[in-house]
Amino acid sequence: MNPETENNLTWEAFEKVEMRVGTILEANDFPEARKPAFQLTIDFGSEVGIRKTSAQITKRYEKSDLVGRQIVSVVNFPKKQIGKFMSECLILGAVGEEGDVILLAPDFKVENGLRIG
């Protein structure tokens, strides 16, 4: 990181990022994706609702391990068309050196839709 630019995010800008906890309802293969990925359906509670996204998390996770799992996601990005699929949120994870993603999640089960702040 460049020391001159690493601290350029303002608190006001950070507060605009809406991160919420959701529970994965469905995980399906996404064979049309350029890189191996799953299509996910996630419940973010009554305020945000159910959203879909794709995630390149196939190195560490099986579909059966994902259903029922809580994750943290950014829910206020613009929708993004990925082939014939519309992504409606961005799941957060730590990216390892080989591109493997470790999902961010609460330590304890919490209410869907809880805001991260």
C-alpha atoms as a PDB file:
ATOM      1  CA  MET A   1       0.000   0.000   0.000  1.00  0.00           C
ATOM      2  CA  ASN A   2       1.059   3.517  -0.696  1.00  0.00           C
ATOM      3  CA  PRO A   3       1.306   5.448   2.608  1.00  0.00           C
ATOM      4  CA  GLU A   4       0.165   8.635   0.873  1.00  0.00           C
ATOM      5  CA  THR A   5      -3.160   7.139  -0.232  1.00  0.00           C
ATOM      6  CA  GLU A   6      -3.955   4.445   2.333  1.00  0.00           C
ATOM      7  CA  ASN A   7      -5.731   6.842   4.714  1.00  0.00           C
ATOM      8  CA  ASN A   8      -7.890   8.668   2.181  1.00  0.00           C
ATOM      9  CA  LEU A   9     -11.281   7.193   3.159  1.00  0.00           C
ATOM     10  CA  THR A  10     -13.385   9.588   5.173  1.00  0.00           C
ATOM     11  CA  TRP A  11     -15.673   8.513   7.999  1.00  0.00           C
ATOM     12  CA  GLU A  12     -18.590  10.004   6.054  1.00  0.00           C
ATOM     13  CA  ALA A  13     -17.760   7.842   3.026  1.00  0.00           C
ATOM     14  CA  PHE A  14     -17.417   4.697   5.170  1.00  0.00           C
ATOM     15  CA  GLU A  15     -20.827   5.296   6.754  1.00  0.00           C
ATOM     16  CA  LYS A  16     -22.387   5.098   3.279  1.00  0.00           C
ATOM     17  CA  VAL A  17     -21.271   1.476   2.889  1.00  0.00           C
ATOM     18  CA  GLU A  18     -24.214  -0.635   4.042  1.00  0.00           C
ATOM     19  CA  MET A  19     -22.917  -3.973   5.313  1.00  0.00           C
ATOM     20  CA  ARG A  20     -25.502  -6.420   6.638  1.00  0.00           C
ATOM     21  CA  VAL A  21     -25.666  -9.971   7.969  1.00  0.00           C
ATOM     22  CA  GLY A  22     -27.652 -12.443   5.906  1.00  0.00           C
ATOM     23  CA  THR A  23     -28.316 -16.178   5.796  1.00  0.00           C
ATOM     24  CA  ILE A  24     -27.644 -18.170   2.638  1.00  0.00           C
ATOM     25  CA  LEU A  25     -30.871 -19.878   1.517  1.00  0.00           C
ATOM     26  CA  GLU A  26     -29.629 -21.489  -1.714  1.00  0.00           C
ATOM     27  CA  ALA A  27     -26.274 -22.259  -3.310  1.00  0.00           C
ATOM     28  CA  ASN A  28     -26.153 -23.390  -6.936  1.00  0.00           C
ATOM     29  CA  ASP A  29     -23.461 -24.036  -9.505  1.00  0.00           C
ATOM     30  CA  PHE A  30     -22.720 -21.185 -11.907  1.00  0.00           C
ATOM     31  CA  PRO A  31     -21.266 -22.939 -14.971  1.00  0.00           C
ATOM     32  CA  GLU A  32     -21.491 -19.778 -17.127  1.00  0.00           C
ATOM     33  CA  ALA A  33     -19.075 -17.857 -14.885  1.00  0.00           C
ATOM     34  CA  ARG A  34     -15.567 -17.220 -16.241  1.00  0.00           C
ATOM     35  CA  LYS A  35     -14.023 -18.310 -12.922  1.00  0.00           C
ATOM     36  CA  PRO A  36     -15.519 -21.078 -10.746  1.00  0.00           C
ATOM     37  CA  ALA A  37     -18.361 -19.589  -8.686  1.00  0.00           C
ATOM     38  CA  PHE A  38     -21.671 -20.300  -6.990  1.00  0.00           C
ATOM     39  CA  GLN A  39     -24.946 -18.441  -7.395  1.00  0.00           C
ATOM     40  CA  LEU A  40     -26.296 -17.634  -3.934  1.00  0.00           C
ATOM     41  CA  THR A  41     -29.693 -16.540  -2.620  1.00  0.00           C
ATOM     42  CA  ILE A  42     -29.408 -14.703   0.707  1.00  0.00           C
ATOM     43  CA  ASP A  43     -32.025 -13.566   3.246  1.00  0.00           C
ATOM     44  CA  PHE A  44     -31.208 -10.147   4.722  1.00  0.00           C
ATOM     45  CA  GLY A  45     -34.391  -9.830   6.799  1.00  0.00           C
ATOM     46  CA  SER A  46     -37.539  -7.788   6.260  1.00  0.00           C
ATOM     47  CA  GLU A  47     -35.890  -4.395   5.689  1.00  0.00           C
ATOM     48  CA  VAL A  48     -33.568  -5.480   2.846  1.00  0.00           C
ATOM     49  CA  GLY A  49     -35.240  -8.712   1.733  1.00  0.00           C
ATOM     50  CA  ILE A  50     -33.816 -11.543  -0.314  1.00  0.00           C
ATOM     51  CA  ARG A  51     -30.920 -10.827  -2.672  1.00  0.00           C
ATOM     52  CA  LYS A  52     -28.933 -12.893  -5.159  1.00  0.00           C
ATOM     53  CA  THR A  53     -25.237 -12.796  -5.895  1.00  0.00           C
ATOM     54  CA  SER A  54     -22.425 -14.890  -7.274  1.00  0.00           C
ATOM     55  CA  ALA A  55     -19.275 -15.656  -5.342  1.00  0.00           C
ATOM     56  CA  GLN A  56     -15.946 -17.206  -6.297  1.00  0.00           C
ATOM     57  CA  ILE A  57     -15.754 -19.316  -3.154  1.00  0.00           C
ATOM     58  CA  THR A  58     -15.525 -22.816  -4.652  1.00  0.00           C
ATOM     59  CA  LYS A  59     -11.952 -23.477  -3.424  1.00  0.00           C
ATOM     60  CA  ARG A  60     -12.962 -23.562   0.250  1.00  0.00           C
ATOM     61  CA  TYR A  61     -16.708 -24.231   0.295  1.00  0.00           C
ATOM     62  CA  GLU A  62     -19.158 -26.856  -0.911  1.00  0.00           C
ATOM     63  CA  LYS A  63     -22.735 -25.869  -1.758  1.00  0.00           C
ATOM     64  CA  SER A  64     -24.058 -28.048   1.063  1.00  0.00           C
ATOM     65  CA  ASP A  65     -21.824 -26.214   3.589  1.00  0.00           C
ATOM     66  CA  LEU A  66     -23.185 -22.816   2.557  1.00  0.00           C
ATOM     67  CA  VAL A  67     -26.939 -23.255   3.016  1.00  0.00           C
ATOM     68  CA  GLY A  68     -27.922 -21.914   6.449  1.00  0.00           C
ATOM     69  CA  ARG A  69     -24.604 -20.139   6.939  1.00  0.00           C
ATOM     70  CA  GLN A  70     -24.589 -16.473   7.918  1.00  0.00           C
ATOM     71  CA  ILE A  71     -22.351 -14.066   5.991  1.00  0.00           C
ATOM     72  CA  VAL A  72     -21.583 -10.356   5.804  1.00  0.00           C
ATOM     73  CA  SER A  73     -22.381  -8.545   2.583  1.00  0.00           C
ATOM     74  CA  VAL A  74     -22.494  -5.029   1.125  1.00  0.00           C
ATOM     75  CA  VAL A  75     -26.109  -4.493   0.067  1.00  0.00           C
ATOM     76  CA  ASN A  76     -26.061  -0.979  -1.391  1.00  0.00           C
ATOM     77  CA  PHE A  77     -23.829  -1.422  -4.443  1.00  0.00           C
ATOM     78  CA  PRO A  78     -25.529  -1.031  -7.811  1.00  0.00           C
ATOM     79  CA  LYS A  79     -26.745  -4.306  -9.317  1.00  0.00           C
ATOM     80  CA  LYS A  80     -24.237  -5.935 -11.674  1.00  0.00           C
ATOM     81  CA  GLN A  81     -25.044  -8.106 -14.682  1.00  0.00           C
ATOM     82  CA  ILE A  82     -22.838 -11.208 -14.817  1.00  0.00           C
ATOM     83  CA  GLY A  83     -23.762 -13.049 -18.003  1.00  0.00           C
ATOM     84  CA  LYS A  84     -27.461 -13.844 -17.717  1.00  0.00           C
ATOM     85  CA  PHE A  85     -27.325 -13.444 -13.924  1.00  0.00           C
ATOM     86  CA  MET A  86     -27.969 -10.226 -11.966  1.00  0.00           C
ATOM     87  CA  SER A  87     -25.836  -9.815  -8.831  1.00  0.00           C
ATOM     88  CA  GLU A  88     -27.592  -7.725  -6.160  1.00  0.00           C
ATOM     89  CA  CYS A  89     -25.016  -7.611  -3.342  1.00  0.00           C
ATOM     90  CA  LEU A  90     -21.342  -8.290  -2.603  1.00  0.00           C
ATOM     91  CA  ILE A  91     -20.337 -10.969  -0.102  1.00  0.00           C
ATOM     92  CA  LEU A  92     -17.273 -10.027   1.931  1.00  0.00           C
ATOM     93  CA  GLY A  93     -14.340 -12.317   2.504  1.00  0.00           C
ATOM     94  CA  ALA A  94     -10.622 -12.395   3.086  1.00  0.00           C
ATOM     95  CA  VAL A  95      -8.708 -13.307  -0.083  1.00  0.00           C
ATOM     96  CA  GLY A  96      -5.725 -15.614   0.311  1.00  0.00           C
ATOM     97  CA  GLU A  97      -2.592 -15.525  -1.827  1.00  0.00           C
ATOM     98  CA  GLU A  98      -3.953 -18.198  -4.165  1.00  0.00           C
ATOM     99  CA  GLY A  99      -7.301 -16.472  -4.618  1.00  0.00           C
ATOM    100  CA  ASP A 100      -9.147 -18.614  -2.096  1.00  0.00           C
ATOM    101  CA  VAL A 101     -11.822 -16.653  -0.237  1.00  0.00           C
ATOM    102  CA  ILE A 102     -12.649 -17.078   3.464  1.00  0.00           C
ATOM    103  CA  LEU A 103     -16.109 -15.668   4.154  1.00  0.00           C
ATOM    104  CA  LEU A 104     -16.638 -13.017   6.821  1.00  0.00           C
ATOM    105  CA  ALA A 105     -19.319 -14.043   9.299  1.00  0.00           C
ATOM    106  CA  PRO A 106     -20.540 -13.256  12.811  1.00  0.00           C
ATOM    107  CA  ASP A 107     -19.236 -15.490  15.610  1.00  0.00           C
ATOM    108  CA  PHE A 108     -22.781 -16.116  16.845  1.00  0.00           C
ATOM    109  CA  LYS A 109     -26.098 -16.464  15.055  1.00  0.00           C
ATOM    110  CA  VAL A 110     -27.727 -13.045  14.803  1.00  0.00           C
ATOM    111  CA  GLU A 111     -30.855 -11.572  13.252  1.00  0.00           C
ATOM    112  CA  ASN A 112     -30.775 -11.338   9.453  1.00  0.00           C
ATOM    113  CA  GLY A 113     -30.377  -7.762   8.306  1.00  0.00           C
ATOM    114  CA  LEU A 114     -28.313  -6.576  11.268  1.00  0.00           C
ATOM    115  CA  ARG A 115     -26.133  -3.716  10.090  1.00  0.00           C
ATOM    116  CA  ILE A 116     -22.362  -3.841  10.474  1.00  0.00           C
ATOM    117  CA  GLY A 117     -20.978  -0.525  11.652  1.00  0.00           C
END
